[in-house]
Structure formats: structure tokens, C-alpha cells
Amino acid sequence: MPADPASNFPSRRPQVCILGSAEPGSPAYFLAAAAGALLAARGITVVSGCGSPATRVAAESALAAGGTVVSIIPSDDIKTENWPCTVLIPCGMGDARNLLMALAGDACIVIGGRAGTISEVCLAWLHHRPLLPLTGCGGWSDQLERNPPDERGNSPILPWGSVEELEAQLEVLGLVGSC
């Protein structure tokens, strides 16, 4: 009997999307950087659009820690330079890229955020992706646990306020092994 061709492929590494925004120098910005480094250290692929300072610093920190970063950008320019990523996906879809961001992770970390972030959060919610909102730093992520997108309870909302809490929530989701 021939070998199963799928058995020749290694299992896929977990992927986590970084959504949101935060200004450089803010506590949320520094936690975004720490989140990127944590994900890389735990062997989790970071998916980021790098469109805000927070998502960009998460990607930069993941790369600096030796991780893999997939960046899905709204433009169609494959020659985009100085972009912090291992793999660049220029989707050419503008804001419609938000659906790709919502679907590209086993979970979505939400940091602060404005209108684009809440659209990604709602799409992730509709498609049953767990949400990991940063709390205590402002933006949409602060409100998400007590004000989910709707009443359906589509996916878990697991808040965090420190890197240690984020790692614990990733363990709850089975994306990292317990220490």
C-alpha cells in the first residue's frame, strides 16, 4: 500500500494575527513588541498587516527573536521595501484585506484599535476565531470582553494585560505548551 502523501508534510505551526493600533511609546506599544517576541519564542507564526505602529513593532520584535512573520498588506505592490516580514502578501484589496487578517490566525491578538480594528474583530468573531484583547491600555480591546460584537458567543474572548497573562491565554487555547 502506498504511503499517505500528506504524511510527508510537517504539521503546520500555529499562527496568530496581531490586530490593532497604539502610539509609539505607549504601554500598549511596548506590550505589542513583547507579544511579538513571545510568539516568536514559542514558535508561533505572526500574521500582521504592519499598518500601525503596534502591529509593525510586534512584527519587528518577532523577527528580531528569530520568528516567522507573514504580512498581508492592502496594496498590490510586491516590491514594497523595508517591510518587517518573512513573507509578504500584497493582496491589492484595500480594506477588504481585513477578512484575510481575521481568517489567517488560529487566534487574534487585539491591541487598542480604531475602526479598522473593530472590523477585523467582527470578522474574526463571525468566523469563530478566538480573540485575545489587551486590557488596561485603551482602544477597542479594552471594551471587548464586556462588549463583544454580538450576543452569539461565537468564540472565546480571553483578555490579557501582561506578557505572562498572554502566554497563559495561549496555553488555554492550546497554542503553546504549559511551562
C-alpha atoms as a PDB file:
ATOM      1  CA  MET A   1       0.000   0.000   0.000  1.00  0.00           C
ATOM      2  CA  PRO A   2       1.488   3.423  -0.930  1.00  0.00           C
ATOM      3  CA  ALA A   3       2.339   5.893   1.818  1.00  0.00           C
ATOM      4  CA  ASP A   4      -0.131   8.669   2.518  1.00  0.00           C
ATOM      5  CA  PRO A   5       1.299  11.757   0.691  1.00  0.00           C
ATOM      6  CA  ALA A   6       0.080  14.025   3.498  1.00  0.00           C
ATOM      7  CA  SER A   7       2.344  12.203   5.947  1.00  0.00           C
ATOM      8  CA  ASN A   8       5.354  13.727   4.152  1.00  0.00           C
ATOM      9  CA  PHE A   9       4.450  17.216   5.336  1.00  0.00           C
ATOM     10  CA  PRO A  10       5.289  18.566   8.767  1.00  0.00           C
ATOM     11  CA  SER A  11       2.356  19.761  10.837  1.00  0.00           C
ATOM     12  CA  ARG A  12       1.535  23.432  10.469  1.00  0.00           C
ATOM     13  CA  ARG A  13       2.850  25.782  13.125  1.00  0.00           C
ATOM     14  CA  PRO A  14       0.251  27.833  14.996  1.00  0.00           C
ATOM     15  CA  GLN A  15      -0.463  31.280  13.560  1.00  0.00           C
ATOM     16  CA  VAL A  16      -1.661  34.308  15.496  1.00  0.00           C
ATOM     17  CA  CYS A  17      -2.801  37.589  13.938  1.00  0.00           C
ATOM     18  CA  ILE A  18      -1.876  40.893  15.525  1.00  0.00           C
ATOM     19  CA  LEU A  19      -4.671  43.443  15.090  1.00  0.00           C
ATOM     20  CA  GLY A  20      -4.926  46.977  16.395  1.00  0.00           C
ATOM     21  CA  SER A  21      -3.111  50.219  16.891  1.00  0.00           C
ATOM     22  CA  ALA A  22      -1.166  52.016  19.572  1.00  0.00           C
ATOM     23  CA  GLU A  23       1.115  55.016  19.533  1.00  0.00           C
ATOM     24  CA  PRO A  24       4.890  54.615  19.889  1.00  0.00           C
ATOM     25  CA  GLY A  25       5.987  54.946  23.495  1.00  0.00           C
ATOM     26  CA  SER A  26       2.611  53.968  24.930  1.00  0.00           C
ATOM     27  CA  PRO A  27       2.205  50.956  27.248  1.00  0.00           C
ATOM     28  CA  ALA A  28       0.191  49.179  24.514  1.00  0.00           C
ATOM     29  CA  TYR A  29       3.041  49.725  22.040  1.00  0.00           C
ATOM     30  CA  PHE A  30       5.564  48.122  24.387  1.00  0.00           C
ATOM     31  CA  LEU A  31       3.206  45.220  25.078  1.00  0.00           C
ATOM     32  CA  ALA A  32       2.747  44.735  21.312  1.00  0.00           C
ATOM     33  CA  ALA A  33       6.528  44.397  20.981  1.00  0.00           C
ATOM     34  CA  ALA A  34       6.630  41.936  23.866  1.00  0.00           C
ATOM     35  CA  ALA A  35       3.761  39.937  22.339  1.00  0.00           C
ATOM     36  CA  GLY A  36       5.631  39.621  19.033  1.00  0.00           C
ATOM     37  CA  ALA A  37       8.758  38.396  20.794  1.00  0.00           C
ATOM     38  CA  LEU A  38       6.740  35.921  22.883  1.00  0.00           C
ATOM     39  CA  LEU A  39       5.004  34.461  19.837  1.00  0.00           C
ATOM     40  CA  ALA A  40       8.326  34.002  18.053  1.00  0.00           C
ATOM     41  CA  ALA A  41       9.932  32.412  21.112  1.00  0.00           C
ATOM     42  CA  ARG A  42       7.043  29.941  21.293  1.00  0.00           C
ATOM     43  CA  GLY A  43       7.306  29.010  17.598  1.00  0.00           C
ATOM     44  CA  ILE A  44       4.081  30.744  16.600  1.00  0.00           C
ATOM     45  CA  THR A  45       3.934  32.437  13.191  1.00  0.00           C
ATOM     46  CA  VAL A  46       2.959  36.088  13.492  1.00  0.00           C
ATOM     47  CA  VAL A  47       0.477  37.412  10.926  1.00  0.00           C
ATOM     48  CA  SER A  48       0.498  41.196  10.751  1.00  0.00           C
ATOM     49  CA  GLY A  49      -0.504  43.910   8.344  1.00  0.00           C
ATOM     50  CA  CYS A  50       2.133  46.211   9.846  1.00  0.00           C
ATOM     51  CA  GLY A  51      -0.153  49.147   9.114  1.00  0.00           C
ATOM     52  CA  SER A  52       0.002  50.644  12.589  1.00  0.00           C
ATOM     53  CA  PRO A  53       2.942  51.256  14.893  1.00  0.00           C
ATOM     54  CA  ALA A  54       1.712  48.487  17.241  1.00  0.00           C
ATOM     55  CA  THR A  55       1.342  45.805  14.582  1.00  0.00           C
ATOM     56  CA  ARG A  56       4.631  46.829  12.992  1.00  0.00           C
ATOM     57  CA  VAL A  57       6.594  46.691  16.262  1.00  0.00           C
ATOM     58  CA  ALA A  58       5.083  43.265  17.011  1.00  0.00           C
ATOM     59  CA  ALA A  59       6.348  42.050  13.627  1.00  0.00           C
ATOM     60  CA  GLU A  60       9.774  43.639  14.120  1.00  0.00           C
ATOM     61  CA  SER A  61      10.096  42.063  17.578  1.00  0.00           C
ATOM     62  CA  ALA A  62       9.069  38.653  16.266  1.00  0.00           C
ATOM     63  CA  LEU A  63      11.687  38.848  13.515  1.00  0.00           C
ATOM     64  CA  ALA A  64      14.360  40.017  15.959  1.00  0.00           C
ATOM     65  CA  ALA A  65      13.549  36.964  18.107  1.00  0.00           C
ATOM     66  CA  GLY A  66      14.041  34.656  15.117  1.00  0.00           C
ATOM     67  CA  GLY A  67      10.357  34.159  14.326  1.00  0.00           C
ATOM     68  CA  THR A  68       8.364  33.960  11.129  1.00  0.00           C
ATOM     69  CA  VAL A  69       6.186  36.907  10.139  1.00  0.00           C
ATOM     70  CA  VAL A  70       3.594  36.879   7.368  1.00  0.00           C
ATOM     71  CA  SER A  71       2.452  40.357   6.388  1.00  0.00           C
ATOM     72  CA  ILE A  72      -0.787  40.832   4.461  1.00  0.00           C
ATOM     73  CA  ILE A  73      -0.788  44.369   3.074  1.00  0.00           C
ATOM     74  CA  PRO A  74      -3.682  46.250   1.413  1.00  0.00           C
ATOM     75  CA  SER A  75      -1.689  47.349  -1.648  1.00  0.00           C
ATOM     76  CA  ASP A  76      -0.738  45.272  -4.675  1.00  0.00           C
ATOM     77  CA  ASP A  77       2.966  46.203  -4.566  1.00  0.00           C
ATOM     78  CA  ILE A  78       5.162  43.097  -4.212  1.00  0.00           C
ATOM     79  CA  LYS A  79       8.201  45.368  -4.302  1.00  0.00           C
ATOM     80  CA  THR A  80       7.261  47.073  -1.044  1.00  0.00           C
ATOM     81  CA  GLU A  81      10.555  47.719   0.705  1.00  0.00           C
ATOM     82  CA  ASN A  82      11.551  47.950   4.352  1.00  0.00           C
ATOM     83  CA  TRP A  83       8.590  45.873   5.454  1.00  0.00           C
ATOM     84  CA  PRO A  84       9.146  43.713   8.553  1.00  0.00           C
ATOM     85  CA  CYS A  85       8.201  40.252   7.359  1.00  0.00           C
ATOM     86  CA  THR A  86       9.412  36.863   6.249  1.00  0.00           C
ATOM     87  CA  VAL A  87       6.573  36.517   3.725  1.00  0.00           C
ATOM     88  CA  LEU A  88       4.859  39.494   2.073  1.00  0.00           C
ATOM     89  CA  ILE A  89       1.363  39.042   0.664  1.00  0.00           C
ATOM     90  CA  PRO A  90       0.227  42.133  -1.265  1.00  0.00           C
ATOM     91  CA  CYS A  91      -3.481  41.443  -1.625  1.00  0.00           C
ATOM     92  CA  GLY A  92      -4.478  44.551  -3.621  1.00  0.00           C
ATOM     93  CA  MET A  93      -7.822  44.581  -1.799  1.00  0.00           C
ATOM     94  CA  GLY A  94      -7.548  47.704   0.328  1.00  0.00           C
ATOM     95  CA  ASP A  95      -9.669  47.423   3.471  1.00  0.00           C
ATOM     96  CA  ALA A  96     -11.181  44.142   2.221  1.00  0.00           C
ATOM     97  CA  ARG A  97      -7.858  42.721   3.414  1.00  0.00           C
ATOM     98  CA  ASN A  98      -9.393  42.756   6.885  1.00  0.00           C
ATOM     99  CA  LEU A  99     -11.152  39.466   6.136  1.00  0.00           C
ATOM    100  CA  LEU A 100      -7.825  37.825   5.267  1.00  0.00           C
ATOM    101  CA  MET A 101      -6.363  39.126   8.518  1.00  0.00           C
ATOM    102  CA  ALA A 102      -9.306  37.774  10.512  1.00  0.00           C
ATOM    103  CA  LEU A 103      -9.024  34.326   8.927  1.00  0.00           C
ATOM    104  CA  ALA A 104      -5.230  33.930   8.822  1.00  0.00           C
ATOM    105  CA  GLY A 105      -4.744  33.114  12.502  1.00  0.00           C
ATOM    106  CA  ASP A 106      -5.700  30.388  14.910  1.00  0.00           C
ATOM    107  CA  ALA A 107      -6.427  33.349  17.192  1.00  0.00           C
ATOM    108  CA  CYS A 108      -6.278  37.154  17.001  1.00  0.00           C
ATOM    109  CA  ILE A 109      -4.461  39.381  19.468  1.00  0.00           C
ATOM    110  CA  VAL A 110      -6.236  42.731  19.662  1.00  0.00           C
ATOM    111  CA  ILE A 111      -4.237  45.768  20.806  1.00  0.00           C
ATOM    112  CA  GLY A 112      -6.060  49.073  21.267  1.00  0.00           C
ATOM    113  CA  GLY A 113      -7.617  49.761  17.930  1.00  0.00           C
ATOM    114  CA  ARG A 114      -9.783  52.041  15.907  1.00  0.00           C
ATOM    115  CA  ALA A 115     -12.408  51.481  13.181  1.00  0.00           C
ATOM    116  CA  GLY A 116     -10.251  49.120  11.063  1.00  0.00           C
ATOM    117  CA  THR A 117      -9.527  47.014  14.118  1.00  0.00           C
ATOM    118  CA  ILE A 118     -13.166  46.608  15.083  1.00  0.00           C
ATOM    119  CA  SER A 119     -13.975  45.493  11.531  1.00  0.00           C
ATOM    120  CA  GLU A 120     -11.258  42.809  11.782  1.00  0.00           C
ATOM    121  CA  VAL A 121     -12.533  41.814  15.224  1.00  0.00           C
ATOM    122  CA  CYS A 122     -16.101  41.432  13.962  1.00  0.00           C
ATOM    123  CA  LEU A 123     -14.934  39.314  11.026  1.00  0.00           C
ATOM    124  CA  ALA A 124     -12.822  37.140  13.326  1.00  0.00           C
ATOM    125  CA  TRP A 125     -15.854  36.765  15.627  1.00  0.00           C
ATOM    126  CA  LEU A 126     -18.116  35.758  12.732  1.00  0.00           C
ATOM    127  CA  HIS A 127     -15.586  33.086  11.732  1.00  0.00           C
ATOM    128  CA  HIS A 128     -15.107  31.708  15.253  1.00  0.00           C
ATOM    129  CA  ARG A 129     -11.535  32.893  15.824  1.00  0.00           C
ATOM    130  CA  PRO A 130     -10.590  33.322  19.489  1.00  0.00           C
ATOM    131  CA  LEU A 131      -9.903  36.915  20.485  1.00  0.00           C
ATOM    132  CA  LEU A 132      -7.121  37.941  22.870  1.00  0.00           C
ATOM    133  CA  PRO A 133      -7.740  41.599  23.727  1.00  0.00           C
ATOM    134  CA  LEU A 134      -5.144  43.653  25.574  1.00  0.00           C
ATOM    135  CA  THR A 135      -6.860  45.366  28.509  1.00  0.00           C
ATOM    136  CA  GLY A 136      -5.908  48.414  30.526  1.00  0.00           C
ATOM    137  CA  CYS A 137      -4.395  50.364  27.625  1.00  0.00           C
ATOM    138  CA  GLY A 138      -7.405  51.893  25.836  1.00  0.00           C
ATOM    139  CA  GLY A 139      -8.997  51.371  22.448  1.00  0.00           C
ATOM    140  CA  TRP A 140     -11.460  48.716  21.324  1.00  0.00           C
ATOM    141  CA  SER A 141      -9.522  45.957  23.030  1.00  0.00           C
ATOM    142  CA  ASP A 142     -10.362  47.405  26.463  1.00  0.00           C
ATOM    143  CA  GLN A 143     -14.092  47.056  25.771  1.00  0.00           C
ATOM    144  CA  LEU A 144     -14.197  43.706  24.022  1.00  0.00           C
ATOM    145  CA  GLU A 145     -14.666  41.364  26.978  1.00  0.00           C
ATOM    146  CA  ARG A 146     -17.695  43.201  28.369  1.00  0.00           C
ATOM    147  CA  ASN A 147     -18.985  44.318  24.977  1.00  0.00           C
ATOM    148  CA  PRO A 148     -18.494  41.502  22.421  1.00  0.00           C
ATOM    149  CA  PRO A 149     -19.530  42.030  18.786  1.00  0.00           C
ATOM    150  CA  ASP A 150     -22.913  40.407  19.451  1.00  0.00           C
ATOM    151  CA  GLU A 151     -24.762  38.005  21.753  1.00  0.00           C
ATOM    152  CA  ARG A 152     -23.879  34.745  19.961  1.00  0.00           C
ATOM    153  CA  GLY A 153     -20.707  33.875  21.856  1.00  0.00           C
ATOM    154  CA  ASN A 154     -19.020  32.737  18.643  1.00  0.00           C
ATOM    155  CA  SER A 155     -15.553  32.449  20.109  1.00  0.00           C
ATOM    156  CA  PRO A 156     -13.705  32.849  23.363  1.00  0.00           C
ATOM    157  CA  ILE A 157     -12.599  36.294  24.440  1.00  0.00           C
ATOM    158  CA  LEU A 158      -9.510  35.868  26.599  1.00  0.00           C
ATOM    159  CA  PRO A 159      -8.183  39.193  27.917  1.00  0.00           C
ATOM    160  CA  TRP A 160      -4.590  39.846  28.930  1.00  0.00           C
ATOM    161  CA  GLY A 161      -2.726  42.737  30.494  1.00  0.00           C
ATOM    162  CA  SER A 162       0.832  41.388  30.648  1.00  0.00           C
ATOM    163  CA  VAL A 163       3.004  39.067  28.598  1.00  0.00           C
ATOM    164  CA  GLU A 164       2.634  36.412  31.288  1.00  0.00           C
ATOM    165  CA  GLU A 165      -1.160  36.636  31.029  1.00  0.00           C
ATOM    166  CA  LEU A 166      -0.941  36.453  27.223  1.00  0.00           C
ATOM    167  CA  GLU A 167       1.171  33.303  27.440  1.00  0.00           C
ATOM    168  CA  ALA A 168      -1.349  31.759  29.847  1.00  0.00           C
ATOM    169  CA  GLN A 169      -4.203  32.547  27.427  1.00  0.00           C
ATOM    170  CA  LEU A 170      -2.241  31.000  24.538  1.00  0.00           C
ATOM    171  CA  GLU A 171      -1.888  27.889  26.705  1.00  0.00           C
ATOM    172  CA  VAL A 172      -5.673  27.854  27.296  1.00  0.00           C
ATOM    173  CA  LEU A 173      -6.110  27.801  23.510  1.00  0.00           C
ATOM    174  CA  GLY A 174      -3.538  25.016  23.130  1.00  0.00           C
ATOM    175  CA  LEU A 175      -1.254  27.188  21.003  1.00  0.00           C
ATOM    176  CA  VAL A 176       1.705  26.764  23.373  1.00  0.00           C
ATOM    177  CA  GLY A 177       2.574  24.019  25.814  1.00  0.00           C
ATOM    178  CA  SER A 178       2.482  24.746  29.522  1.00  0.00           C
ATOM    179  CA  CYS A 179       5.791  25.645  31.105  1.00  0.00           C
END
